[in-house]
Structures are given as structure tokens and as C-alpha cells.
Amino acid sequence: HYHQNLILDEKDVKYFNLASFAYERSFFVVECCQEIKFREQKLRGQNV
């Protein structure tokens, strides 16, 4: 089971858990900072 579209706030950084794909056991996380910088990172085997 994977949580989709989950938003986590930690200090000044927001983490968005976008739609996940169970068959790949992976999902994408987009990090948004105060400077409006975006970073996309593919994580495998993580269940947040």
C-alpha cells in the first residue's frame, strides 16, 4: 500500500508524494524550497 499525494512539512521544506506505481515499487518525490527550486528524485522500495 502506498500513500498518494501526501504532503509533509518539515521546517521550510515541503515534500510532495506524487502518485506511486506499485508494480515498480517506486514513486516520485518533489521537493519545494523557499527559493522555488524543484528537485525530483526517484525512490525505490520506500513506503512513506
PDB file of N, CA and C in Angstrom:
ATOM      1  N   HIS A   1       0.850  -1.187   0.000  1.00  0.00           N
ATOM      2  CA  HIS A   1       0.000   0.000   0.000  1.00  0.00           C
ATOM      3  C   HIS A   1       0.889   1.242   0.000  1.00  0.00           C
ATOM      4  N   TYR A   2       0.603   2.169  -0.886  1.00  0.00           N
ATOM      5  CA  TYR A   2       1.374   3.410  -0.976  1.00  0.00           C
ATOM      6  C   TYR A   2       0.437   4.597  -0.803  1.00  0.00           C
ATOM      7  N   HIS A   3       0.895   5.593  -0.081  1.00  0.00           N
ATOM      8  CA  HIS A   3       0.108   6.814   0.093  1.00  0.00           C
ATOM      9  C   HIS A   3       0.376   7.733  -1.089  1.00  0.00           C
ATOM     10  N   GLN A   4      -0.672   8.277  -1.671  1.00  0.00           N
ATOM     11  CA  GLN A   4      -0.519   9.138  -2.830  1.00  0.00           C
ATOM     12  C   GLN A   4      -0.899  10.567  -2.484  1.00  0.00           C
ATOM     13  N   ASN A   5      -0.199  11.489  -3.128  1.00  0.00           N
ATOM     14  CA  ASN A   5      -0.459  12.919  -2.963  1.00  0.00           C
ATOM     15  C   ASN A   5      -0.368  13.357  -1.504  1.00  0.00           C
ATOM     16  N   LEU A   6       0.575  12.798  -0.786  1.00  0.00           N
ATOM     17  CA  LEU A   6       0.799  13.141   0.616  1.00  0.00           C
ATOM     18  C   LEU A   6       1.746  14.336   0.689  1.00  0.00           C
ATOM     19  N   ILE A   7       1.427  15.296   1.537  1.00  0.00           N
ATOM     20  CA  ILE A   7       2.273  16.477   1.702  1.00  0.00           C
ATOM     21  C   ILE A   7       2.846  16.473   3.118  1.00  0.00           C
ATOM     22  N   LEU A   8       4.167  16.526   3.211  1.00  0.00           N
ATOM     23  CA  LEU A   8       4.841  16.553   4.500  1.00  0.00           C
ATOM     24  C   LEU A   8       5.561  17.883   4.652  1.00  0.00           C
ATOM     25  N   ASP A   9       5.331  18.555   5.773  1.00  0.00           N
ATOM     26  CA  ASP A   9       6.011  19.821   6.055  1.00  0.00           C
ATOM     27  C   ASP A   9       7.088  19.589   7.106  1.00  0.00           C
ATOM     28  N   GLU A  10       8.303  20.001   6.791  1.00  0.00           N
ATOM     29  CA  GLU A  10       9.383  19.919   7.765  1.00  0.00           C
ATOM     30  C   GLU A  10      10.195  21.199   7.677  1.00  0.00           C
ATOM     31  N   LYS A  11      10.017  22.056   8.658  1.00  0.00           N
ATOM     32  CA  LYS A  11      10.652  23.376   8.688  1.00  0.00           C
ATOM     33  C   LYS A  11      10.225  24.167   7.458  1.00  0.00           C
ATOM     34  N   ASP A  12      11.179  24.530   6.592  1.00  0.00           N
ATOM     35  CA  ASP A  12      10.862  25.360   5.428  1.00  0.00           C
ATOM     36  C   ASP A  12      10.786  24.552   4.139  1.00  0.00           C
ATOM     37  N   VAL A  13      10.742  23.236   4.256  1.00  0.00           N
ATOM     38  CA  VAL A  13      10.741  22.383   3.068  1.00  0.00           C
ATOM     39  C   VAL A  13       9.459  21.568   3.035  1.00  0.00           C
ATOM     40  N   LYS A  14       8.831  21.520   1.863  1.00  0.00           N
ATOM     41  CA  LYS A  14       7.632  20.709   1.691  1.00  0.00           C
ATOM     42  C   LYS A  14       7.964  19.542   0.772  1.00  0.00           C
ATOM     43  N   TYR A  15       7.504  18.356   1.161  1.00  0.00           N
ATOM     44  CA  TYR A  15       7.720  17.163   0.354  1.00  0.00           C
ATOM     45  C   TYR A  15       6.372  16.682  -0.159  1.00  0.00           C
ATOM     46  N   PHE A  16       6.282  16.515  -1.456  1.00  0.00           N
ATOM     47  CA  PHE A  16       5.046  16.064  -2.074  1.00  0.00           C
ATOM     48  C   PHE A  16       5.242  14.641  -2.575  1.00  0.00           C
ATOM     49  N   ASN A  17       4.440  13.709  -2.080  1.00  0.00           N
ATOM     50  CA  ASN A  17       4.493  12.333  -2.552  1.00  0.00           C
ATOM     51  C   ASN A  17       3.470  12.199  -3.666  1.00  0.00           C
ATOM     52  N   LEU A  18       3.933  12.158  -4.899  1.00  0.00           N
ATOM     53  CA  LEU A  18       3.037  12.071  -6.039  1.00  0.00           C
ATOM     54  C   LEU A  18       2.545  10.640  -6.219  1.00  0.00           C
ATOM     55  N   ALA A  19       1.695  10.478  -7.184  1.00  0.00           N
ATOM     56  CA  ALA A  19       1.115   9.152  -7.436  1.00  0.00           C
ATOM     57  C   ALA A  19       2.214   8.105  -7.599  1.00  0.00           C
ATOM     58  N   SER A  20       2.047   6.982  -6.916  1.00  0.00           N
ATOM     59  CA  SER A  20       3.064   5.940  -6.933  1.00  0.00           C
ATOM     60  C   SER A  20       2.637   4.791  -7.835  1.00  0.00           C
ATOM     61  N   PHE A  21       3.602   3.972  -8.175  1.00  0.00           N
ATOM     62  CA  PHE A  21       3.354   2.827  -9.037  1.00  0.00           C
ATOM     63  C   PHE A  21       3.763   1.568  -8.286  1.00  0.00           C
ATOM     64  N   ALA A  22       2.777   0.794  -7.848  1.00  0.00           N
ATOM     65  CA  ALA A  22       3.051  -0.369  -7.008  1.00  0.00           C
ATOM     66  C   ALA A  22       3.845  -1.434  -7.759  1.00  0.00           C
ATOM     67  N   TYR A  23       3.611  -1.561  -9.055  1.00  0.00           N
ATOM     68  CA  TYR A  23       4.306  -2.616  -9.798  1.00  0.00           C
ATOM     69  C   TYR A  23       5.792  -2.336  -9.923  1.00  0.00           C
ATOM     70  N   GLU A  24       6.191  -1.074  -9.827  1.00  0.00           N
ATOM     71  CA  GLU A  24       7.614  -0.731  -9.839  1.00  0.00           C
ATOM     72  C   GLU A  24       8.148  -0.536  -8.423  1.00  0.00           C
ATOM     73  N   ARG A  25       7.266  -0.538  -7.438  1.00  0.00           N
ATOM     74  CA  ARG A  25       7.634  -0.278  -6.045  1.00  0.00           C
ATOM     75  C   ARG A  25       8.446   1.010  -5.954  1.00  0.00           C
ATOM     76  N   SER A  26       7.993   2.013  -6.672  1.00  0.00           N
ATOM     77  CA  SER A  26       8.708   3.287  -6.656  1.00  0.00           C
ATOM     78  C   SER A  26       7.723   4.435  -6.754  1.00  0.00           C
ATOM     79  N   PHE A  27       8.179   5.617  -6.398  1.00  0.00           N
ATOM     80  CA  PHE A  27       7.351   6.805  -6.509  1.00  0.00           C
ATOM     81  C   PHE A  27       8.265   8.011  -6.645  1.00  0.00           C
ATOM     82  N   PHE A  28       7.683   9.127  -6.972  1.00  0.00           N
ATOM     83  CA  PHE A  28       8.461  10.341  -7.169  1.00  0.00           C
ATOM     84  C   PHE A  28       8.193  11.325  -6.038  1.00  0.00           C
ATOM     85  N   VAL A  29       9.241  11.975  -5.589  1.00  0.00           N
ATOM     86  CA  VAL A  29       9.123  12.993  -4.549  1.00  0.00           C
ATOM     87  C   VAL A  29       9.638  14.308  -5.124  1.00  0.00           C
ATOM     88  N   VAL A  30       8.835  15.345  -4.995  1.00  0.00           N
ATOM     89  CA  VAL A  30       9.246  16.667  -5.454  1.00  0.00           C
ATOM     90  C   VAL A  30       9.459  17.546  -4.229  1.00  0.00           C
ATOM     91  N   GLU A  31      10.622  18.141  -4.144  1.00  0.00           N
ATOM     92  CA  GLU A  31      10.971  18.993  -3.006  1.00  0.00           C
ATOM     93  C   GLU A  31      10.877  20.455  -3.434  1.00  0.00           C
ATOM     94  N   CYS A  32      10.122  21.226  -2.681  1.00  0.00           N
ATOM     95  CA  CYS A  32       9.948  22.642  -2.997  1.00  0.00           C
ATOM     96  C   CYS A  32      10.515  23.472  -1.851  1.00  0.00           C
ATOM     97  N   CYS A  33      11.453  24.310  -2.173  1.00  0.00           N
ATOM     98  CA  CYS A  33      12.103  25.135  -1.156  1.00  0.00           C
ATOM     99  C   CYS A  33      11.612  26.577  -1.241  1.00  0.00           C
ATOM    100  N   GLN A  34      12.050  27.401  -0.293  1.00  0.00           N
ATOM    101  CA  GLN A  34      11.654  28.804  -0.279  1.00  0.00           C
ATOM    102  C   GLN A  34      12.101  29.514  -1.551  1.00  0.00           C
ATOM    103  N   GLU A  35      13.228  29.098  -2.115  1.00  0.00           N
ATOM    104  CA  GLU A  35      13.755  29.733  -3.324  1.00  0.00           C
ATOM    105  C   GLU A  35      13.041  29.231  -4.577  1.00  0.00           C
ATOM    106  N   ILE A  36      11.965  28.470  -4.406  1.00  0.00           N
ATOM    107  CA  ILE A  36      11.184  27.909  -5.513  1.00  0.00           C
ATOM    108  C   ILE A  36      12.065  27.043  -6.409  1.00  0.00           C
ATOM    109  N   LYS A  37      12.890  26.228  -5.785  1.00  0.00           N
ATOM    110  CA  LYS A  37      13.697  25.267  -6.529  1.00  0.00           C
ATOM    111  C   LYS A  37      13.002  23.918  -6.428  1.00  0.00           C
ATOM    112  N   PHE A  38      12.987  23.186  -7.518  1.00  0.00           N
ATOM    113  CA  PHE A  38      12.337  21.887  -7.532  1.00  0.00           C
ATOM    114  C   PHE A  38      13.367  20.796  -7.828  1.00  0.00           C
ATOM    115  N   ARG A  39      13.211  19.708  -7.126  1.00  0.00           N
ATOM    116  CA  ARG A  39      14.091  18.566  -7.356  1.00  0.00           C
ATOM    117  C   ARG A  39      13.225  17.316  -7.372  1.00  0.00           C
ATOM    118  N   GLU A  40      13.423  16.498  -8.371  1.00  0.00           N
ATOM    119  CA  GLU A  40      12.651  15.265  -8.478  1.00  0.00           C
ATOM    120  C   GLU A  40      13.599  14.098  -8.271  1.00  0.00           C
ATOM    121  N   GLN A  41      13.199  13.198  -7.423  1.00  0.00           N
ATOM    122  CA  GLN A  41      14.068  12.084  -7.077  1.00  0.00           C
ATOM    123  C   GLN A  41      13.240  10.811  -7.069  1.00  0.00           C
ATOM    124  N   LYS A  42      13.750   9.805  -7.709  1.00  0.00           N
ATOM    125  CA  LYS A  42      13.037   8.531  -7.740  1.00  0.00           C
ATOM    126  C   LYS A  42      13.552   7.656  -6.600  1.00  0.00           C
ATOM    127  N   LEU A  43      12.644   7.202  -5.785  1.00  0.00           N
ATOM    128  CA  LEU A  43      12.988   6.364  -4.646  1.00  0.00           C
ATOM    129  C   LEU A  43      12.425   4.969  -4.878  1.00  0.00           C
ATOM    130  N   ARG A  44      13.194   3.957  -4.545  1.00  0.00           N
ATOM    131  CA  ARG A  44      12.734   2.581  -4.739  1.00  0.00           C
ATOM    132  C   ARG A  44      12.565   1.897  -3.382  1.00  0.00           C
ATOM    133  N   GLY A  45      11.512   1.135  -3.276  1.00  0.00           N
ATOM    134  CA  GLY A  45      11.293   0.330  -2.085  1.00  0.00           C
ATOM    135  C   GLY A  45      10.966   1.126  -0.842  1.00  0.00           C
ATOM    136  N   GLN A  46      10.544   2.352  -0.996  1.00  0.00           N
ATOM    137  CA  GLN A  46      10.196   3.187   0.148  1.00  0.00           C
ATOM    138  C   GLN A  46       8.685   3.224   0.305  1.00  0.00           C
ATOM    139  N   ASN A  47       8.213   3.110   1.521  1.00  0.00           N
ATOM    140  CA  ASN A  47       6.782   3.188   1.805  1.00  0.00           C
ATOM    141  C   ASN A  47       6.584   4.279   2.840  1.00  0.00           C
ATOM    142  N   VAL A  48       6.214   5.454   2.394  1.00  0.00           N
ATOM    143  CA  VAL A  48       6.064   6.620   3.282  1.00  0.00           C
ATOM    144  C   VAL A  48       4.617   6.780   3.655  1.00  0.00           C
TER     145      VAL A  48
END
